[in-house]
All heavy atoms as atom14 arrays in JSON, in Angstrom:
{
  "sequence": "ALVAAGTWTVLGGRTLRHEAEVMGRALRDGDLPAARQRLGHLCG",
  "atom14_mask": [
    [1, 1, 1, 1, 1, 0, 0, 0, 0, 0, 0, 0, 0, 0],
    [1, 1, 1, 1, 1, 1, 1, 1, 0, 0, 0, 0, 0, 0],
    [1, 1, 1, 1, 1, 1, 1, 0, 0, 0, 0, 0, 0, 0],
    [1, 1, 1, 1, 1, 0, 0, 0, 0, 0, 0, 0, 0, 0],
    [1, 1, 1, 1, 1, 0, 0, 0, 0, 0, 0, 0, 0, 0],
    [1, 1, 1, 1, 0, 0, 0, 0, 0, 0, 0, 0, 0, 0],
    [1, 1, 1, 1, 1, 1, 1, 0, 0, 0, 0, 0, 0, 0],
    [1, 1, 1, 1, 1, 1, 1, 1, 1, 1, 1, 1, 1, 1],
    [1, 1, 1, 1, 1, 1, 1, 0, 0, 0, 0, 0, 0, 0],
    [1, 1, 1, 1, 1, 1, 1, 0, 0, 0, 0, 0, 0, 0],
    [1, 1, 1, 1, 1, 1, 1, 1, 0, 0, 0, 0, 0, 0],
    [1, 1, 1, 1, 0, 0, 0, 0, 0, 0, 0, 0, 0, 0],
    [1, 1, 1, 1, 0, 0, 0, 0, 0, 0, 0, 0, 0, 0],
    [1, 1, 1, 1, 1, 1, 1, 1, 1, 1, 1, 0, 0, 0],
    [1, 1, 1, 1, 1, 1, 1, 0, 0, 0, 0, 0, 0, 0],
    [1, 1, 1, 1, 1, 1, 1, 1, 0, 0, 0, 0, 0, 0],
    [1, 1, 1, 1, 1, 1, 1, 1, 1, 1, 1, 0, 0, 0],
    [1, 1, 1, 1, 1, 1, 1, 1, 1, 1, 0, 0, 0, 0],
    [1, 1, 1, 1, 1, 1, 1, 1, 1, 0, 0, 0, 0, 0],
    [1, 1, 1, 1, 1, 0, 0, 0, 0, 0, 0, 0, 0, 0],
    [1, 1, 1, 1, 1, 1, 1, 1, 1, 0, 0, 0, 0, 0],
    [1, 1, 1, 1, 1, 1, 1, 0, 0, 0, 0, 0, 0, 0],
    [1, 1, 1, 1, 1, 1, 1, 1, 0, 0, 0, 0, 0, 0],
    [1, 1, 1, 1, 0, 0, 0, 0, 0, 0, 0, 0, 0, 0],
    [1, 1, 1, 1, 1, 1, 1, 1, 1, 1, 1, 0, 0, 0],
    [1, 1, 1, 1, 1, 0, 0, 0, 0, 0, 0, 0, 0, 0],
    [1, 1, 1, 1, 1, 1, 1, 1, 0, 0, 0, 0, 0, 0],
    [1, 1, 1, 1, 1, 1, 1, 1, 1, 1, 1, 0, 0, 0],
    [1, 1, 1, 1, 1, 1, 1, 1, 0, 0, 0, 0, 0, 0],
    [1, 1, 1, 1, 0, 0, 0, 0, 0, 0, 0, 0, 0, 0],
    [1, 1, 1, 1, 1, 1, 1, 1, 0, 0, 0, 0, 0, 0],
    [1, 1, 1, 1, 1, 1, 1, 1, 0, 0, 0, 0, 0, 0],
    [1, 1, 1, 1, 1, 1, 1, 0, 0, 0, 0, 0, 0, 0],
    [1, 1, 1, 1, 1, 0, 0, 0, 0, 0, 0, 0, 0, 0],
    [1, 1, 1, 1, 1, 0, 0, 0, 0, 0, 0, 0, 0, 0],
    [1, 1, 1, 1, 1, 1, 1, 1, 1, 1, 1, 0, 0, 0],
    [1, 1, 1, 1, 1, 1, 1, 1, 1, 0, 0, 0, 0, 0],
    [1, 1, 1, 1, 1, 1, 1, 1, 1, 1, 1, 0, 0, 0],
    [1, 1, 1, 1, 1, 1, 1, 1, 0, 0, 0, 0, 0, 0],
    [1, 1, 1, 1, 0, 0, 0, 0, 0, 0, 0, 0, 0, 0],
    [1, 1, 1, 1, 1, 1, 1, 1, 1, 1, 0, 0, 0, 0],
    [1, 1, 1, 1, 1, 1, 1, 1, 0, 0, 0, 0, 0, 0],
    [1, 1, 1, 1, 1, 1, 0, 0, 0, 0, 0, 0, 0, 0],
    [1, 1, 1, 1, 0, 0, 0, 0, 0, 0, 0, 0, 0, 0]
  ],
  "atom14_positions": [
    [[-12.84, -18.37, -31.72], [-13.62, -17.8, -30.63], [-12.95, -18.17, -29.27], [-12.86, -17.32, -28.37], [-15.02, -18.23, -30.69], [0.0, 0.0, 0.0], [0.0, 0.0, 0.0], [0.0, 0.0, 0.0], [0.0, 0.0, 0.0], [0.0, 0.0, 0.0], [0.0, 0.0, 0.0], [0.0, 0.0, 0.0], [0.0, 0.0, 0.0], [0.0, 0.0, 0.0]],
    [[-12.54, -19.42, -29.11], [-11.96, -19.89, -27.86], [-10.61, -19.16, -27.6], [-10.33, -18.74, -26.51], [-11.74, -21.37, -27.9], [-12.88, -22.22, -27.57], [-12.57, -23.73, -27.73], [-13.41, -22.0, -26.14], [0.0, 0.0, 0.0], [0.0, 0.0, 0.0], [0.0, 0.0, 0.0], [0.0, 0.0, 0.0], [0.0, 0.0, 0.0], [0.0, 0.0, 0.0]],
    [[-9.83, -19.08, -28.67], [-8.5, -18.4, -28.49], [-8.69, -16.94, -28.19], [-8.0, -16.3, -27.39], [-7.63, -18.57, -29.78], [-6.36, -17.71, -29.67], [-7.29, -20.03, -29.97], [0.0, 0.0, 0.0], [0.0, 0.0, 0.0], [0.0, 0.0, 0.0], [0.0, 0.0, 0.0], [0.0, 0.0, 0.0], [0.0, 0.0, 0.0], [0.0, 0.0, 0.0]],
    [[-9.72, -16.29, -28.85], [-10.02, -14.87, -28.51], [-10.46, -14.71, -27.05], [-9.97, -13.8, -26.38], [-11.12, -14.37, -29.48], [0.0, 0.0, 0.0], [0.0, 0.0, 0.0], [0.0, 0.0, 0.0], [0.0, 0.0, 0.0], [0.0, 0.0, 0.0], [0.0, 0.0, 0.0], [0.0, 0.0, 0.0], [0.0, 0.0, 0.0], [0.0, 0.0, 0.0]],
    [[-11.34, -15.57, -26.57], [-11.76, -15.51, -25.19], [-10.57, -15.68, -24.26], [-10.43, -15.03, -23.24], [-12.83, -16.52, -24.98], [0.0, 0.0, 0.0], [0.0, 0.0, 0.0], [0.0, 0.0, 0.0], [0.0, 0.0, 0.0], [0.0, 0.0, 0.0], [0.0, 0.0, 0.0], [0.0, 0.0, 0.0], [0.0, 0.0, 0.0], [0.0, 0.0, 0.0]],
    [[-9.74, -16.69, -24.61], [-8.6, -16.98, -23.74], [-7.58, -15.81, -23.72], [-7.05, -15.42, -22.65], [0.0, 0.0, 0.0], [0.0, 0.0, 0.0], [0.0, 0.0, 0.0], [0.0, 0.0, 0.0], [0.0, 0.0, 0.0], [0.0, 0.0, 0.0], [0.0, 0.0, 0.0], [0.0, 0.0, 0.0], [0.0, 0.0, 0.0], [0.0, 0.0, 0.0]],
    [[-7.38, -15.24, -24.9], [-6.42, -14.1, -24.99], [-6.96, -12.93, -24.18], [-6.21, -12.29, -23.41], [-6.24, -13.71, -26.45], [-5.79, -14.81, -27.21], [-5.26, -12.55, -26.62], [0.0, 0.0, 0.0], [0.0, 0.0, 0.0], [0.0, 0.0, 0.0], [0.0, 0.0, 0.0], [0.0, 0.0, 0.0], [0.0, 0.0, 0.0], [0.0, 0.0, 0.0]],
    [[-8.23, -12.61, -24.32], [-8.83, -11.51, -23.61], [-8.67, -11.76, -22.05], [-8.4, -10.87, -21.35], [-10.31, -11.37, -23.99], [-11.0, -10.21, -23.27], [-10.48, -9.1, -22.76], [-12.43, -10.14, -23.02], [-11.45, -8.32, -22.18], [-12.67, -8.96, -22.31], [-13.49, -11.0, -23.3], [-13.94, -8.55, -21.93], [-14.76, -10.58, -22.91], [-14.99, -9.39, -22.24]],
    [[-8.9, -13.02, -21.69], [-8.87, -13.33, -20.23], [-7.48, -13.09, -19.66], [-7.3, -12.57, -18.55], [-9.31, -14.76, -20.05], [-10.69, -14.95, -20.45], [-9.15, -15.27, -18.59], [0.0, 0.0, 0.0], [0.0, 0.0, 0.0], [0.0, 0.0, 0.0], [0.0, 0.0, 0.0], [0.0, 0.0, 0.0], [0.0, 0.0, 0.0], [0.0, 0.0, 0.0]],
    [[-6.44, -13.5, -20.44], [-5.11, -13.49, -19.82], [-4.37, -12.19, -20.0], [-3.35, -11.92, -19.35], [-4.25, -14.62, -20.39], [-4.92, -15.97, -20.12], [-3.92, -14.46, -21.88], [0.0, 0.0, 0.0], [0.0, 0.0, 0.0], [0.0, 0.0, 0.0], [0.0, 0.0, 0.0], [0.0, 0.0, 0.0], [0.0, 0.0, 0.0], [0.0, 0.0, 0.0]],
    [[-4.79, -11.34, -20.96], [-4.09, -10.06, -21.15], [-4.48, -9.03, -20.11], [-5.61, -9.05, -19.6], [-4.37, -9.51, -22.53], [-3.76, -10.24, -23.75], [-4.16, -9.52, -25.04], [-2.3, -10.44, -23.63], [0.0, 0.0, 0.0], [0.0, 0.0, 0.0], [0.0, 0.0, 0.0], [0.0, 0.0, 0.0], [0.0, 0.0, 0.0], [0.0, 0.0, 0.0]],
    [[-3.54, -8.11, -19.84], [-3.83, -7.03, -18.87], [-3.31, -5.66, -19.37], [-2.99, -4.82, -18.53], [0.0, 0.0, 0.0], [0.0, 0.0, 0.0], [0.0, 0.0, 0.0], [0.0, 0.0, 0.0], [0.0, 0.0, 0.0], [0.0, 0.0, 0.0], [0.0, 0.0, 0.0], [0.0, 0.0, 0.0], [0.0, 0.0, 0.0], [0.0, 0.0, 0.0]],
    [[-3.11, -5.44, -20.61], [-2.47, -4.26, -21.15], [-3.21, -3.02, -20.86], [-2.71, -1.98, -20.45], [0.0, 0.0, 0.0], [0.0, 0.0, 0.0], [0.0, 0.0, 0.0], [0.0, 0.0, 0.0], [0.0, 0.0, 0.0], [0.0, 0.0, 0.0], [0.0, 0.0, 0.0], [0.0, 0.0, 0.0], [0.0, 0.0, 0.0], [0.0, 0.0, 0.0]],
    [[-4.53, -3.02, -21.15], [-5.34, -1.82, -20.96], [-5.35, -1.45, -19.44], [-5.21, -0.22, -19.16], [-6.81, -1.99, -21.47], [-7.69, -0.79, -21.25], [-9.16, -1.09, -21.66], [-10.0, 0.03, -21.28], [-10.37, 0.99, -22.09], [-9.92, 1.0, -23.34], [-11.12, 1.94, -21.7], [0.0, 0.0, 0.0], [0.0, 0.0, 0.0], [0.0, 0.0, 0.0]],
    [[-5.57, -2.41, -18.62], [-5.62, -2.12, -17.12], [-4.27, -1.56, -16.68], [-4.24, -0.67, -15.89], [-5.95, -3.39, -16.43], [-7.27, -3.84, -16.83], [-5.94, -3.16, -14.89], [0.0, 0.0, 0.0], [0.0, 0.0, 0.0], [0.0, 0.0, 0.0], [0.0, 0.0, 0.0], [0.0, 0.0, 0.0], [0.0, 0.0, 0.0], [0.0, 0.0, 0.0]],
    [[-3.17, -2.16, -17.2], [-1.86, -1.66, -16.79], [-1.69, -0.21, -17.17], [-1.22, 0.63, -16.38], [-0.79, -2.54, -17.45], [0.67, -2.21, -17.18], [1.03, -2.33, -15.72], [1.58, -3.07, -18.07], [0.0, 0.0, 0.0], [0.0, 0.0, 0.0], [0.0, 0.0, 0.0], [0.0, 0.0, 0.0], [0.0, 0.0, 0.0], [0.0, 0.0, 0.0]],
    [[-2.03, 0.17, -18.43], [-1.86, 1.5, -18.86], [-2.77, 2.42, -18.04], [-2.42, 3.6, -17.71], [-2.1, 1.61, -20.32], [-1.01, 0.89, -21.2], [-1.3, 1.21, -22.64], [-2.53, 0.77, -23.16], [-2.85, -0.42, -23.6], [-1.93, -1.41, -23.5], [-4.04, -0.68, -24.01], [0.0, 0.0, 0.0], [0.0, 0.0, 0.0], [0.0, 0.0, 0.0]],
    [[-3.99, 1.98, -17.79], [-5.01, 2.81, -17.01], [-4.44, 3.08, -15.66], [-4.52, 4.26, -15.18], [-6.32, 2.04, -16.94], [-7.27, 2.68, -16.01], [-7.93, 3.87, -16.34], [-7.69, 2.33, -14.75], [-8.71, 4.18, -15.3], [-8.63, 3.28, -14.33], [0.0, 0.0, 0.0], [0.0, 0.0, 0.0], [0.0, 0.0, 0.0], [0.0, 0.0, 0.0]],
    [[-3.84, 2.13, -14.99], [-3.31, 2.33, -13.64], [-2.19, 3.36, -13.67], [-2.04, 4.19, -12.74], [-2.86, 1.0, -13.01], [-4.05, 0.03, -12.67], [-4.98, 0.61, -11.68], [-4.56, 1.41, -10.83], [-6.19, 0.25, -11.74], [0.0, 0.0, 0.0], [0.0, 0.0, 0.0], [0.0, 0.0, 0.0], [0.0, 0.0, 0.0], [0.0, 0.0, 0.0]],
    [[-1.35, 3.31, -14.67], [-0.24, 4.25, -14.77], [-0.74, 5.64, -14.96], [-0.25, 6.62, -14.38], [0.7, 3.83, -15.91], [0.0, 0.0, 0.0], [0.0, 0.0, 0.0], [0.0, 0.0, 0.0], [0.0, 0.0, 0.0], [0.0, 0.0, 0.0], [0.0, 0.0, 0.0], [0.0, 0.0, 0.0], [0.0, 0.0, 0.0], [0.0, 0.0, 0.0]],
    [[-1.85, 5.8, -15.76], [-2.36, 7.12, -16.0], [-3.08, 7.63, -14.75], [-3.01, 8.83, -14.45], [-3.36, 7.02, -17.21], [-2.67, 6.77, -18.5], [-3.56, 6.28, -19.61], [-4.81, 6.15, -19.28], [-3.14, 6.03, -20.76], [0.0, 0.0, 0.0], [0.0, 0.0, 0.0], [0.0, 0.0, 0.0], [0.0, 0.0, 0.0], [0.0, 0.0, 0.0]],
    [[-3.77, 6.79, -14.04], [-4.43, 7.22, -12.79], [-3.38, 7.66, -11.76], [-3.54, 8.68, -11.09], [-5.29, 6.07, -12.18], [-5.8, 6.39, -10.82], [-6.51, 5.84, -13.1], [0.0, 0.0, 0.0], [0.0, 0.0, 0.0], [0.0, 0.0, 0.0], [0.0, 0.0, 0.0], [0.0, 0.0, 0.0], [0.0, 0.0, 0.0], [0.0, 0.0, 0.0]],
    [[-2.31, 6.95, -11.64], [-1.25, 7.27, -10.75], [-0.59, 8.62, -11.18], [-0.32, 9.47, -10.27], [-0.18, 6.2, -10.75], [0.99, 6.48, -9.82], [0.59, 6.51, -8.08], [0.55, 4.75, -7.75], [0.0, 0.0, 0.0], [0.0, 0.0, 0.0], [0.0, 0.0, 0.0], [0.0, 0.0, 0.0], [0.0, 0.0, 0.0], [0.0, 0.0, 0.0]],
    [[-0.42, 8.8, -12.41], [0.15, 10.08, -12.89], [-0.74, 11.23, -12.56], [-0.23, 12.3, -12.1], [0.0, 0.0, 0.0], [0.0, 0.0, 0.0], [0.0, 0.0, 0.0], [0.0, 0.0, 0.0], [0.0, 0.0, 0.0], [0.0, 0.0, 0.0], [0.0, 0.0, 0.0], [0.0, 0.0, 0.0], [0.0, 0.0, 0.0], [0.0, 0.0, 0.0]],
    [[-2.05, 11.11, -12.73], [-2.95, 12.22, -12.35], [-2.88, 12.51, -10.85], [-2.86, 13.73, -10.47], [-4.37, 11.89, -12.74], [-4.65, 11.98, -14.25], [-6.12, 11.96, -14.55], [-6.79, 10.78, -14.11], [-6.97, 9.66, -14.9], [-6.47, 9.69, -16.12], [-7.63, 8.67, -14.42], [0.0, 0.0, 0.0], [0.0, 0.0, 0.0], [0.0, 0.0, 0.0]],
    [[-2.89, 11.46, -10.01], [-2.83, 11.69, -8.59], [-1.55, 12.43, -8.21], [-1.57, 13.34, -7.4], [-2.93, 10.39, -7.87], [0.0, 0.0, 0.0], [0.0, 0.0, 0.0], [0.0, 0.0, 0.0], [0.0, 0.0, 0.0], [0.0, 0.0, 0.0], [0.0, 0.0, 0.0], [0.0, 0.0, 0.0], [0.0, 0.0, 0.0], [0.0, 0.0, 0.0]],
    [[-0.42, 12.07, -8.83], [0.86, 12.71, -8.51], [0.94, 14.11, -9.01], [1.43, 15.0, -8.32], [2.01, 11.87, -9.06], [2.26, 10.46, -8.39], [3.44, 9.77, -9.07], [2.51, 10.65, -6.89], [0.0, 0.0, 0.0], [0.0, 0.0, 0.0], [0.0, 0.0, 0.0], [0.0, 0.0, 0.0], [0.0, 0.0, 0.0], [0.0, 0.0, 0.0]],
    [[0.37, 14.34, -10.19], [0.39, 15.72, -10.71], [-0.49, 16.63, -9.84], [-0.18, 17.86, -9.71], [-0.15, 15.76, -12.13], [0.83, 15.21, -13.14], [0.45, 15.58, -14.6], [-0.83, 14.93, -14.91], [-0.9, 13.68, -15.38], [0.24, 12.96, -15.59], [-2.06, 13.15, -15.73], [0.0, 0.0, 0.0], [0.0, 0.0, 0.0], [0.0, 0.0, 0.0]],
    [[-1.58, 16.08, -9.25], [-2.44, 16.86, -8.34], [-1.89, 16.98, -6.98], [-2.53, 17.64, -6.11], [-3.83, 16.24, -8.31], [-4.58, 16.25, -9.66], [-4.21, 17.09, -10.53], [-5.5, 15.47, -9.85], [0.0, 0.0, 0.0], [0.0, 0.0, 0.0], [0.0, 0.0, 0.0], [0.0, 0.0, 0.0], [0.0, 0.0, 0.0], [0.0, 0.0, 0.0]],
    [[-0.75, 16.36, -6.68], [-0.17, 16.37, -5.33], [-0.93, 15.61, -4.36], [-0.82, 15.81, -3.14], [0.0, 0.0, 0.0], [0.0, 0.0, 0.0], [0.0, 0.0, 0.0], [0.0, 0.0, 0.0], [0.0, 0.0, 0.0], [0.0, 0.0, 0.0], [0.0, 0.0, 0.0], [0.0, 0.0, 0.0], [0.0, 0.0, 0.0], [0.0, 0.0, 0.0]],
    [[-1.78, 14.64, -4.79], [-2.58, 13.87, -3.9], [-1.83, 12.56, -3.55], [-2.13, 11.49, -4.04], [-3.93, 13.48, -4.58], [-4.91, 12.94, -3.59], [-4.54, 12.58, -2.46], [-6.11, 12.82, -3.94], [0.0, 0.0, 0.0], [0.0, 0.0, 0.0], [0.0, 0.0, 0.0], [0.0, 0.0, 0.0], [0.0, 0.0, 0.0], [0.0, 0.0, 0.0]],
    [[-0.9, 12.68, -2.61], [-0.08, 11.5, -2.23], [-0.9, 10.4, -1.59], [-0.65, 9.19, -1.82], [1.07, 11.93, -1.3], [2.23, 12.64, -1.96], [3.31, 12.96, -0.96], [2.77, 11.9, -3.12], [0.0, 0.0, 0.0], [0.0, 0.0, 0.0], [0.0, 0.0, 0.0], [0.0, 0.0, 0.0], [0.0, 0.0, 0.0], [0.0, 0.0, 0.0]],
    [[-1.92, 10.67, -0.7], [-2.69, 9.65, -0.1], [-3.38, 8.78, -1.21], [-3.42, 7.56, -1.13], [-3.73, 10.35, 0.79], [-3.0, 11.59, 1.15], [-2.25, 12.03, -0.05], [0.0, 0.0, 0.0], [0.0, 0.0, 0.0], [0.0, 0.0, 0.0], [0.0, 0.0, 0.0], [0.0, 0.0, 0.0], [0.0, 0.0, 0.0], [0.0, 0.0, 0.0]],
    [[-3.94, 9.43, -2.23], [-4.63, 8.68, -3.28], [-3.61, 7.88, -4.05], [-3.91, 6.73, -4.44], [-5.32, 9.63, -4.21], [0.0, 0.0, 0.0], [0.0, 0.0, 0.0], [0.0, 0.0, 0.0], [0.0, 0.0, 0.0], [0.0, 0.0, 0.0], [0.0, 0.0, 0.0], [0.0, 0.0, 0.0], [0.0, 0.0, 0.0], [0.0, 0.0, 0.0]],
    [[-2.45, 8.46, -4.34], [-1.38, 7.75, -5.1], [-0.89, 6.52, -4.31], [-0.73, 5.46, -4.87], [-0.24, 8.66, -5.4], [0.0, 0.0, 0.0], [0.0, 0.0, 0.0], [0.0, 0.0, 0.0], [0.0, 0.0, 0.0], [0.0, 0.0, 0.0], [0.0, 0.0, 0.0], [0.0, 0.0, 0.0], [0.0, 0.0, 0.0], [0.0, 0.0, 0.0]],
    [[-0.72, 6.73, -3.01], [-0.29, 5.59, -2.17], [-1.27, 4.44, -2.12], [-1.01, 3.3, -2.22], [0.0, 6.06, -0.79], [1.26, 6.88, -0.67], [1.43, 7.56, 0.7], [2.62, 8.33, 0.78], [2.83, 9.38, 1.59], [1.87, 9.73, 2.51], [3.99, 10.01, 1.63], [0.0, 0.0, 0.0], [0.0, 0.0, 0.0], [0.0, 0.0, 0.0]],
    [[-2.54, 4.86, -2.07], [-3.59, 3.82, -2.05], [-3.67, 3.16, -3.39], [-3.97, 1.91, -3.45], [-4.96, 4.53, -1.71], [-6.13, 3.53, -1.62], [-7.43, 4.27, -1.33], [-7.59, 5.48, -1.47], [-8.4, 3.49, -0.81], [0.0, 0.0, 0.0], [0.0, 0.0, 0.0], [0.0, 0.0, 0.0], [0.0, 0.0, 0.0], [0.0, 0.0, 0.0]],
    [[-3.38, 3.82, -4.46], [-3.49, 3.18, -5.76], [-2.35, 2.29, -6.12], [-2.46, 1.38, -6.97], [-3.51, 4.32, -6.84], [-4.08, 3.93, -8.18], [-5.59, 3.78, -8.08], [-6.16, 3.11, -9.24], [-7.46, 2.95, -9.43], [-8.29, 3.37, -8.55], [-7.91, 2.32, -10.5], [0.0, 0.0, 0.0], [0.0, 0.0, 0.0], [0.0, 0.0, 0.0]],
    [[-1.2, 2.42, -5.5], [0.0, 1.62, -5.81], [-0.29, 0.14, -5.67], [0.29, -0.68, -6.39], [1.16, 2.04, -4.92], [2.53, 1.4, -5.29], [2.96, 1.85, -6.76], [3.56, 1.72, -4.25], [0.0, 0.0, 0.0], [0.0, 0.0, 0.0], [0.0, 0.0, 0.0], [0.0, 0.0, 0.0], [0.0, 0.0, 0.0], [0.0, 0.0, 0.0]],
    [[-1.14, -0.29, -4.74], [-1.45, -1.67, -4.58], [-2.02, -2.36, -5.78], [-2.0, -3.61, -5.94], [0.0, 0.0, 0.0], [0.0, 0.0, 0.0], [0.0, 0.0, 0.0], [0.0, 0.0, 0.0], [0.0, 0.0, 0.0], [0.0, 0.0, 0.0], [0.0, 0.0, 0.0], [0.0, 0.0, 0.0], [0.0, 0.0, 0.0], [0.0, 0.0, 0.0]],
    [[-2.57, -1.51, -6.72], [-3.11, -2.09, -7.99], [-1.94, -2.5, -8.94], [-2.21, -3.18, -9.94], [-4.01, -1.06, -8.7], [-5.3, -0.81, -7.96], [-6.48, -1.16, -8.4], [-5.46, -0.1, -6.8], [-7.42, -0.77, -7.56], [-6.85, -0.1, -6.52], [0.0, 0.0, 0.0], [0.0, 0.0, 0.0], [0.0, 0.0, 0.0], [0.0, 0.0, 0.0]],
    [[-0.74, -2.05, -8.65], [0.37, -2.32, -9.59], [1.38, -3.23, -8.96], [2.0, -4.02, -9.68], [1.02, -0.97, -9.94], [0.3, -0.08, -10.94], [0.86, 1.28, -10.97], [0.3, -0.72, -12.3], [0.0, 0.0, 0.0], [0.0, 0.0, 0.0], [0.0, 0.0, 0.0], [0.0, 0.0, 0.0], [0.0, 0.0, 0.0], [0.0, 0.0, 0.0]],
    [[1.7, -3.12, -7.69], [2.74, -3.94, -7.13], [2.52, -4.11, -5.57], [1.63, -3.52, -5.05], [4.16, -3.28, -7.35], [4.37, -1.68, -6.59], [0.0, 0.0, 0.0], [0.0, 0.0, 0.0], [0.0, 0.0, 0.0], [0.0, 0.0, 0.0], [0.0, 0.0, 0.0], [0.0, 0.0, 0.0], [0.0, 0.0, 0.0], [0.0, 0.0, 0.0]],
    [[3.37, -4.91, -5.0], [3.18, -5.27, -3.63], [4.04, -4.5, -2.59], [4.31, -4.98, -1.46], [0.0, 0.0, 0.0], [0.0, 0.0, 0.0], [0.0, 0.0, 0.0], [0.0, 0.0, 0.0], [0.0, 0.0, 0.0], [0.0, 0.0, 0.0], [0.0, 0.0, 0.0], [0.0, 0.0, 0.0], [0.0, 0.0, 0.0], [0.0, 0.0, 0.0]]
  ]
}
C-alpha cells in the first residue's frame, strides 16, 4: 500500500499525455492563444 501510494504520487504519465492531447486540440482548432497559455503546463 505504501509503495502504491508513493508510486501514484511521483508518476505523471497520465497528466503528461493529457497535456499533449489538449495542446493538439488547441493547435488543430487554430487557437494559438489557448495553446500558448497551455505550454506552461509542459515546459518553461
